[in-house]
């Protein structure tokens, strides 16, 4: 091999070695610069199974604040949209738990805008592995509302009981001071009887309302004869109606029966009739009519009283609410009658509605399930 050929081959071999070296350097550099791919966190199947059977709603958030799993109620509550937490307070709690691994619990108050009162949601947040955070959520809105109603009920009862109890104490002192005046003693004693009767009625209605306020369905309902119920209601209000020259007229379909508890139905109808008499002007009339339609029976009580302002129609079934407090003070009303009617309707699967025009009167209609089909005849009976 001549020197020229040897030189050429040496040059080619040097170029190949140099190219291989450069290629190896580039490959090594690329491997060193390559960023390792980390798999997105996934909720373990066994954890997802447990979450699916819990009563609490659940939200699972990864280390990038992305929601990787959320139950349907969390969307309905407005806590999650897509893969984003909407509650800043809950997101902050998630950050704190991720930072130190400590389990935390808080109560969130979620506004509903103009749709209703805010929701109360209890959130318990805990770490789930190294990269996930779990939030368990329970809607406590109903419990908070029941607690508020119970507090208001106790406060109202205390206030209402103070009036007759205080009056009896004052009258007792007056009787002692007037011991040498028989006429005054009799006057004060008569007033004491009125206040004690009012106190008795109030206590009885509080007991009745406490028994009904759960709105639980009536156990073992029976057939209740409406004719007897209405006759009893008219008899109960008879003395008061006669003293005020108010006529109570019954009419409509006869022989109807409803399915329910006779004592409760009688209480509800009596309260409606007594309420109508209390709010009617002397010399006017109150009518009680019954009507059957489909599987229901309606009892309507119509008065010609003072009526109810439109702005107060939504409140008249509240406990102790009174359209005319002065009228109740003079008649000894407790402000619980319509609330009891509402609860009786609920326990029987029925409803109570009101129509009223201020200055013209009111119509209360109690609708209850019918016991069975009848062929009623129509008859109107005077007071």
Protein backbone atom coordinates (compact mmCIF):
# COMPACT_ATOMS: atom_id res chain seq x y z
CA UNK A 1 0.00 0.00 0.00
CA UNK A 2 1.48 3.27 -1.06
CA UNK A 3 1.84 6.21 1.30
CA UNK A 4 -0.99 8.16 -0.37
CA UNK A 5 -3.54 5.41 0.21
CA UNK A 6 -2.48 5.01 3.80
CA UNK A 7 -2.91 8.73 4.41
CA UNK A 8 -6.44 8.68 2.88
CA UNK A 9 -7.56 5.75 4.99
CA UNK A 10 -6.19 7.39 8.12
CA UNK A 11 -8.11 10.59 7.32
CA UNK A 12 -11.37 8.67 6.76
CA UNK A 13 -10.95 6.69 10.01
CA UNK A 14 -10.25 9.89 11.92
CA UNK A 15 -13.40 11.51 10.53
CA UNK A 16 -15.52 8.48 11.52
CA UNK A 17 -14.09 8.44 15.03
CA UNK A 18 -14.65 12.19 15.39
CA UNK A 19 -18.26 11.90 14.13
CA UNK A 20 -18.98 9.03 16.51
CA UNK A 21 -17.57 11.02 19.38
CA UNK A 22 -19.72 14.05 18.53
CA UNK A 23 -22.84 11.85 18.17
CA UNK A 24 -22.14 10.15 21.49
CA UNK A 25 -21.75 13.56 23.14
CA UNK A 26 -25.07 14.78 21.75
CA UNK A 27 -26.88 11.62 22.88
CA UNK A 28 -25.37 11.88 26.35
CA UNK A 29 -26.27 15.56 26.61
CA UNK A 30 -29.86 14.92 25.48
CA UNK A 31 -30.29 12.15 28.04
CA UNK A 32 -28.97 14.40 30.77
CA UNK A 33 -31.38 17.21 29.81
CA UNK A 34 -34.46 14.99 29.46
CA UNK A 35 -37.11 15.70 32.20
CA UNK A 36 -38.54 12.51 33.70
CA UNK A 37 -42.29 12.08 33.15
CA UNK A 38 -44.24 11.71 36.42
CA UNK A 39 -47.62 10.03 36.25
CA UNK A 40 -50.65 12.04 37.36
CA UNK A 41 -51.94 11.01 40.79
CA UNK A 42 -54.81 8.55 40.63
CA UNK A 43 -57.28 7.73 43.39
CA UNK A 44 -56.62 4.09 44.38
CA UNK A 45 -59.53 1.80 43.41
CA UNK A 46 -60.09 0.64 46.98
CA UNK A 47 -60.32 4.27 48.18
CA UNK A 48 -62.79 5.12 45.41
CA UNK A 49 -64.91 2.13 46.48
CA UNK A 50 -64.99 3.31 50.09
CA UNK A 51 -65.90 6.86 49.08
CA UNK A 52 -68.78 5.59 46.94
CA UNK A 53 -70.53 4.02 49.94
CA UNK A 54 -70.06 6.89 52.39
CA UNK A 55 -73.05 9.10 53.18
CA UNK A 56 -70.78 12.15 53.13
CA UNK A 57 -69.96 13.88 49.86
CA UNK A 58 -66.29 13.69 48.87
CA UNK A 59 -63.76 15.80 46.98
CA UNK A 60 -60.21 14.61 46.18
CA UNK A 61 -57.66 17.29 45.19
CA UNK A 62 -54.14 16.67 43.85
CA UNK A 63 -51.00 18.65 44.60
CA UNK A 64 -51.79 21.03 41.75
CA UNK A 65 -55.17 21.96 43.27
CA UNK A 66 -56.95 20.02 40.55
CA UNK A 67 -60.09 18.12 41.55
CA UNK A 68 -59.48 14.51 40.48
CA UNK A 69 -62.67 13.10 42.00
CA UNK A 70 -65.88 14.67 43.31
CA UNK A 71 -69.31 13.29 44.13
CA UNK A 72 -72.44 14.76 42.54
CA UNK A 73 -73.70 16.68 45.63
CA UNK A 74 -70.52 18.78 45.71
CA UNK A 75 -71.47 20.23 42.33
CA UNK A 76 -75.04 20.85 43.50
CA UNK A 77 -73.72 22.65 46.59
CA UNK A 78 -71.63 24.93 44.38
CA UNK A 79 -68.31 23.75 45.84
CA UNK A 80 -66.88 22.33 42.61
CA UNK A 81 -67.07 23.35 38.98
CA UNK A 82 -65.32 21.12 36.49
CA UNK A 83 -61.97 20.34 38.15
CA UNK A 84 -61.81 23.51 40.25
CA UNK A 85 -62.71 24.18 43.88
CA UNK A 86 -64.97 27.23 44.06
CA UNK A 87 -64.82 27.72 47.82
CA UNK A 88 -61.81 29.81 48.83
CA UNK A 89 -62.25 28.73 52.44
CA UNK A 90 -62.17 25.03 51.52
CA UNK A 91 -59.18 25.57 49.20
CA UNK A 92 -57.27 27.26 52.03
CA UNK A 93 -58.05 24.35 54.33
CA UNK A 94 -56.74 21.94 51.68
CA UNK A 95 -53.48 23.93 51.47
CA UNK A 96 -53.00 23.81 55.25
CA UNK A 97 -53.60 20.04 55.38
CA UNK A 98 -51.21 19.45 52.47
CA UNK A 99 -48.55 21.53 54.21
CA UNK A 100 -48.54 19.85 57.63
CA UNK A 101 -50.62 16.68 57.21
CA UNK A 102 -52.96 17.58 60.09
CA UNK A 103 -56.66 16.70 59.81
CA UNK A 104 -58.87 19.77 60.03
CA UNK A 105 -62.62 20.42 60.28
CA UNK A 106 -64.71 23.54 59.73
CA UNK A 107 -68.25 24.64 58.90
CA UNK A 108 -68.81 26.42 55.61
CA UNK A 109 -71.72 28.81 55.12
CA UNK A 110 -72.64 28.82 51.45
CA UNK A 111 -74.83 31.61 50.11
CA UNK A 112 -77.70 30.69 47.78
CA UNK A 113 -78.27 34.17 46.43
CA UNK A 114 -81.96 35.07 46.33
CA UNK A 115 -83.11 31.43 46.24
CA UNK A 116 -83.26 30.94 49.99
CA UNK A 117 -81.33 30.82 53.23
CA UNK A 118 -77.63 29.86 53.17
CA UNK A 119 -76.49 26.25 53.37
CA UNK A 120 -74.40 25.00 56.28
CA UNK A 121 -71.82 22.40 55.25
CA UNK A 122 -69.37 20.69 57.62
CA UNK A 123 -66.03 19.91 55.91
CA UNK A 124 -63.48 17.45 57.28
CA UNK A 125 -60.16 17.55 55.36
CA UNK A 126 -57.38 14.95 55.62
CA UNK A 127 -54.30 13.86 53.62
CA UNK A 128 -54.79 10.91 51.27
CA UNK A 129 -51.36 9.48 50.50
CA UNK A 130 -48.47 11.80 49.63
CA UNK A 131 -49.99 13.85 46.82
CA UNK A 132 -53.77 13.82 47.38
CA UNK A 133 -56.03 15.56 49.88
CA UNK A 134 -59.54 14.32 50.74
CA UNK A 135 -62.43 16.53 51.88
CA UNK A 136 -65.57 14.89 53.30
CA UNK A 137 -68.62 17.18 53.27
CA UNK A 138 -71.96 16.92 55.08
CA UNK A 139 -74.92 19.23 54.49
CA UNK A 140 -76.14 20.27 57.95
CA UNK A 141 -78.61 22.91 56.74
CA UNK A 142 -81.69 21.06 58.01
CA UNK A 143 -80.12 20.41 61.42
CA UNK A 144 -79.18 24.07 61.81
CA UNK A 145 -82.68 25.16 60.79
CA UNK A 146 -84.26 22.77 63.31
CA UNK A 147 -81.95 24.09 66.02
CA UNK A 148 -82.92 27.67 65.18
CA UNK A 149 -86.63 26.79 65.22
CA UNK A 150 -86.22 25.04 68.57
CA UNK A 151 -84.43 28.06 70.07
CA UNK A 152 -87.10 30.43 68.77
CA UNK A 153 -89.84 28.12 70.02
CA UNK A 154 -88.39 27.99 73.54
CA UNK A 155 -87.91 31.77 73.57
CA UNK A 156 -91.47 32.38 72.35
CA UNK A 157 -92.96 29.92 74.82
CA UNK A 158 -91.12 31.59 77.68
CA UNK A 159 -92.38 34.99 76.58
CA UNK A 160 -95.97 33.81 76.13
CA UNK A 161 -96.08 32.03 79.50
CA UNK A 162 -94.88 35.13 81.32
CA UNK A 163 -98.02 37.09 80.42
CA UNK A 164 -100.72 34.91 82.08
CA UNK A 165 -98.42 33.86 84.94
CA UNK A 166 -97.56 37.48 85.66
CA UNK A 167 -101.21 38.49 85.43
CA UNK A 168 -102.26 35.79 87.90
CA UNK A 169 -99.59 36.94 90.36
CA UNK A 170 -100.72 40.57 90.11
CA UNK A 171 -104.38 39.58 90.51
CA UNK A 172 -103.55 37.41 93.54
CA UNK A 173 -101.87 40.41 95.19
CA UNK A 174 -104.92 42.52 94.35
CA UNK A 175 -107.24 39.97 95.96
CA UNK A 176 -105.19 40.07 99.16
CA UNK A 177 -105.22 43.86 99.23
CA UNK A 178 -109.01 43.93 98.58
CA UNK A 179 -109.87 41.25 101.14
CA UNK A 180 -112.36 43.58 102.82
CA UNK A 181 -114.14 44.39 99.53
CA UNK A 182 -116.21 41.37 98.35
CA UNK A 183 -117.10 42.99 95.01
CA UNK A 184 -113.44 43.66 94.17
CA UNK A 185 -112.42 40.16 95.27
CA UNK A 186 -115.03 38.65 92.95
CA UNK A 187 -113.91 40.87 90.06
CA UNK A 188 -110.25 39.94 90.52
CA UNK A 189 -111.12 36.26 90.99
CA UNK A 190 -113.11 36.21 87.75
CA UNK A 191 -110.13 37.72 85.97
CA UNK A 192 -107.86 35.11 87.52
CA UNK A 193 -110.11 32.40 86.11
CA UNK A 194 -109.81 33.92 82.63
CA UNK A 195 -106.02 34.09 82.84
CA UNK A 196 -105.76 30.55 84.20
CA UNK A 197 -107.96 29.27 81.36
CA UNK A 198 -105.71 31.08 78.90
CA UNK A 199 -102.65 29.51 80.53
CA UNK A 200 -104.23 26.06 80.35
CA UNK A 201 -105.07 26.50 76.68
CA UNK A 202 -101.55 27.71 75.91
CA UNK A 203 -99.93 24.74 77.65
CA UNK A 204 -102.26 22.30 75.88
CA UNK A 205 -101.50 23.78 72.48
CA UNK A 206 -97.75 23.78 73.17
CA UNK A 207 -97.96 20.08 74.01
CA UNK A 208 -100.01 19.41 70.88
CA UNK A 209 -97.61 21.37 68.66
CA UNK A 210 -94.55 19.65 70.17
CA UNK A 211 -96.14 16.31 69.37
CA UNK A 212 -96.88 17.29 65.77
CA UNK A 213 -93.86 19.35 64.76
CA UNK A 214 -91.90 16.33 63.49
CA UNK A 215 -94.44 16.07 60.62
CA UNK A 216 -94.18 12.27 60.83
CA UNK A 217 -96.98 10.42 59.01
CA UNK A 218 -99.91 9.31 61.12
CA UNK A 219 -99.50 5.75 62.39
CA UNK A 220 -102.41 3.37 61.77
CA UNK A 221 -104.81 6.00 60.30
CA UNK A 222 -108.54 5.39 60.67
CA UNK A 223 -111.66 6.57 58.90
CA UNK A 224 -112.68 9.93 60.40
CA UNK A 225 -116.29 11.11 60.00
CA UNK A 226 -116.16 14.76 58.97
CA UNK A 227 -119.77 15.46 59.95
CA UNK A 228 -118.96 14.65 63.57
CA UNK A 229 -115.72 16.65 63.44
CA UNK A 230 -117.47 19.76 62.12
CA UNK A 231 -120.35 19.42 64.57
CA UNK A 232 -117.84 19.29 67.42
CA UNK A 233 -116.01 22.38 66.13
CA UNK A 234 -119.26 24.35 65.88
CA UNK A 235 -120.21 23.28 69.41
CA UNK A 236 -116.82 24.35 70.84
CA UNK A 237 -117.08 27.88 69.42
CA UNK A 238 -120.83 28.13 70.08
CA UNK A 239 -120.65 30.19 73.26
CA UNK A 240 -118.15 32.69 71.88
CA UNK A 241 -120.07 32.99 68.59
CA UNK A 242 -123.38 33.52 70.41
CA UNK A 243 -121.95 36.23 72.66
CA UNK A 244 -120.72 38.12 69.62
CA UNK A 245 -123.86 37.42 67.53
CA UNK A 246 -121.89 35.51 64.90
CA UNK A 247 -123.72 32.74 63.04
CA UNK A 248 -121.79 29.61 62.08
CA UNK A 249 -123.28 27.87 59.03
CA UNK A 250 -122.30 24.41 57.80
CA UNK A 251 -122.91 23.01 54.33
CA UNK A 252 -121.51 21.17 51.34
CA UNK A 253 -121.14 17.42 50.91
CA UNK A 254 -122.30 15.24 53.80
CA UNK A 255 -121.16 11.77 54.83
CA UNK A 256 -117.52 12.31 53.88
CA UNK A 257 -114.70 10.50 55.63
CA UNK A 258 -110.98 11.25 55.67
CA UNK A 259 -108.09 8.96 56.43
CA UNK A 260 -106.18 9.97 59.54
CA UNK A 261 -106.21 10.57 63.27
CA UNK A 262 -109.61 11.74 64.56
CA UNK A 263 -108.21 13.77 67.45
CA UNK A 264 -105.77 15.63 65.22
CA UNK A 265 -108.32 16.33 62.49
CA UNK A 266 -110.78 17.56 65.12
CA UNK A 267 -108.13 19.86 66.59
CA UNK A 268 -107.26 21.31 63.18
CA UNK A 269 -110.86 21.99 62.12
CA UNK A 270 -111.76 23.43 65.52
CA UNK A 271 -108.77 25.78 65.37
CA UNK A 272 -109.81 27.01 61.92
CA UNK A 273 -113.40 27.67 63.01
CA UNK A 274 -112.34 29.30 66.29
CA UNK A 275 -109.86 31.49 64.42
CA UNK A 276 -112.59 32.58 61.98
CA UNK A 277 -114.95 33.50 64.83
CA UNK A 278 -112.21 35.42 66.66
CA UNK A 279 -111.42 37.57 63.62
CA UNK A 280 -115.02 38.14 62.49
CA UNK A 281 -116.92 41.29 63.24
CA UNK A 282 -119.96 41.03 65.56
CA UNK A 283 -123.15 40.27 63.64
CA UNK A 284 -121.34 38.60 60.72
CA UNK A 285 -121.27 34.91 59.75
CA UNK A 286 -118.78 32.08 59.37
CA UNK A 287 -119.36 29.20 56.97
CA UNK A 288 -117.85 25.71 57.03
CA UNK A 289 -118.23 23.67 53.83
CA UNK A 290 -116.90 20.33 52.65
CA UNK A 291 -116.21 19.07 49.15
CA UNK A 292 -114.80 15.84 47.70
CA UNK A 293 -112.62 15.75 44.58
CA UNK A 294 -110.64 12.79 43.27
CA UNK A 295 -109.02 11.18 46.32
CA UNK A 296 -109.13 14.23 48.60
CA UNK A 297 -111.60 16.09 50.77
CA UNK A 298 -111.49 19.85 51.31
CA UNK A 299 -112.84 21.64 54.38
CA UNK A 300 -113.22 25.38 53.76
CA UNK A 301 -113.80 27.90 56.55
CA UNK A 302 -114.91 31.34 55.34
CA UNK A 303 -115.17 34.43 57.53
CA UNK A 304 -116.13 38.05 56.97
CA UNK A 305 -113.45 39.40 59.27
CA UNK A 306 -110.62 41.88 59.06
CA UNK A 307 -108.69 39.93 56.43
CA UNK A 308 -104.94 39.47 56.20
CA UNK A 309 -102.53 41.94 54.56
CA UNK A 310 -100.88 40.47 51.46
CA UNK A 311 -97.42 40.92 52.97
CA UNK A 312 -98.29 38.74 55.96
CA UNK A 313 -99.92 35.77 54.20
CA UNK A 314 -96.63 33.83 54.16
CA UNK A 315 -96.18 34.21 57.91
CA UNK A 316 -99.56 33.39 59.41
CA UNK A 317 -98.68 29.71 59.94
CA UNK A 318 -95.61 30.58 62.02
CA UNK A 319 -95.70 29.76 65.73
CA UNK A 320 -97.03 32.64 67.85
CA UNK A 321 -97.41 34.90 64.81
CA UNK A 322 -100.41 37.22 65.12
CA UNK A 323 -101.90 39.45 62.48
CA UNK A 324 -103.61 41.57 65.15
CA UNK A 325 -101.96 41.18 68.58
CA UNK A 326 -104.53 43.47 70.19
CA UNK A 327 -107.35 41.19 68.99
CA UNK A 328 -105.59 38.16 70.46
CA UNK A 329 -105.12 39.86 73.81
CA UNK A 330 -108.83 40.53 74.03
CA UNK A 331 -109.88 37.03 72.96
CA UNK A 332 -107.18 35.07 74.76
CA UNK A 333 -105.65 33.61 71.59
CA UNK A 334 -102.30 31.86 71.75
CA UNK A 335 -101.02 32.38 68.20
CA UNK A 336 -100.49 28.61 67.84
CA UNK A 337 -103.76 27.52 66.22
CA UNK A 338 -102.77 27.92 62.56
CA UNK A 339 -99.36 26.41 63.17
CA UNK A 340 -101.08 23.31 64.58
CA UNK A 341 -103.36 23.17 61.51
CA UNK A 342 -100.30 23.27 59.23
CA UNK A 343 -98.63 20.38 61.08
CA UNK A 344 -101.81 18.29 61.10
CA UNK A 345 -102.05 18.74 57.33
CA UNK A 346 -98.42 17.64 56.97
CA UNK A 347 -98.81 14.54 59.12
CA UNK A 348 -101.84 13.48 57.06
CA UNK A 349 -100.22 14.07 53.68
CA UNK A 350 -102.52 17.01 52.99
CA UNK A 351 -102.17 20.79 52.82
CA UNK A 352 -103.72 24.00 54.07
CA UNK A 353 -104.16 27.12 51.93
CA UNK A 354 -105.43 30.61 52.59
CA UNK A 355 -107.11 33.25 50.46
CA UNK A 356 -107.65 36.65 51.99
CA UNK A 357 -108.32 40.27 51.15
CA UNK A 358 -107.73 42.88 53.81
CA UNK A 359 -111.04 44.26 55.02
CA UNK A 360 -113.13 41.59 53.25
CA UNK A 361 -112.37 38.35 55.05
CA UNK A 362 -110.44 35.11 54.65
CA UNK A 363 -110.93 31.55 53.44
CA UNK A 364 -108.86 28.73 54.89
CA UNK A 365 -109.02 25.40 53.07
CA UNK A 366 -107.73 22.21 54.68
CA UNK A 367 -107.31 19.32 52.23
CA UNK A 368 -106.93 15.77 53.53
CA UNK A 369 -106.89 12.34 51.83
CA UNK A 370 -110.34 10.79 51.40
CA UNK A 371 -111.01 7.44 53.05
CA UNK A 372 -113.21 6.06 50.31
CA UNK A 373 -115.57 7.13 47.53
CA UNK A 374 -119.06 8.23 48.56
CA UNK A 375 -122.23 9.42 46.93
CA UNK A 376 -122.79 12.47 49.13
CA UNK A 377 -125.91 14.57 49.08
CA UNK A 378 -125.91 18.31 49.67
CA UNK A 379 -127.58 19.87 52.63
CA UNK A 380 -127.19 23.16 54.43
CA UNK A 381 -127.83 23.40 58.13
CA UNK A 382 -128.13 26.54 60.17
CA UNK A 383 -126.19 27.32 63.31
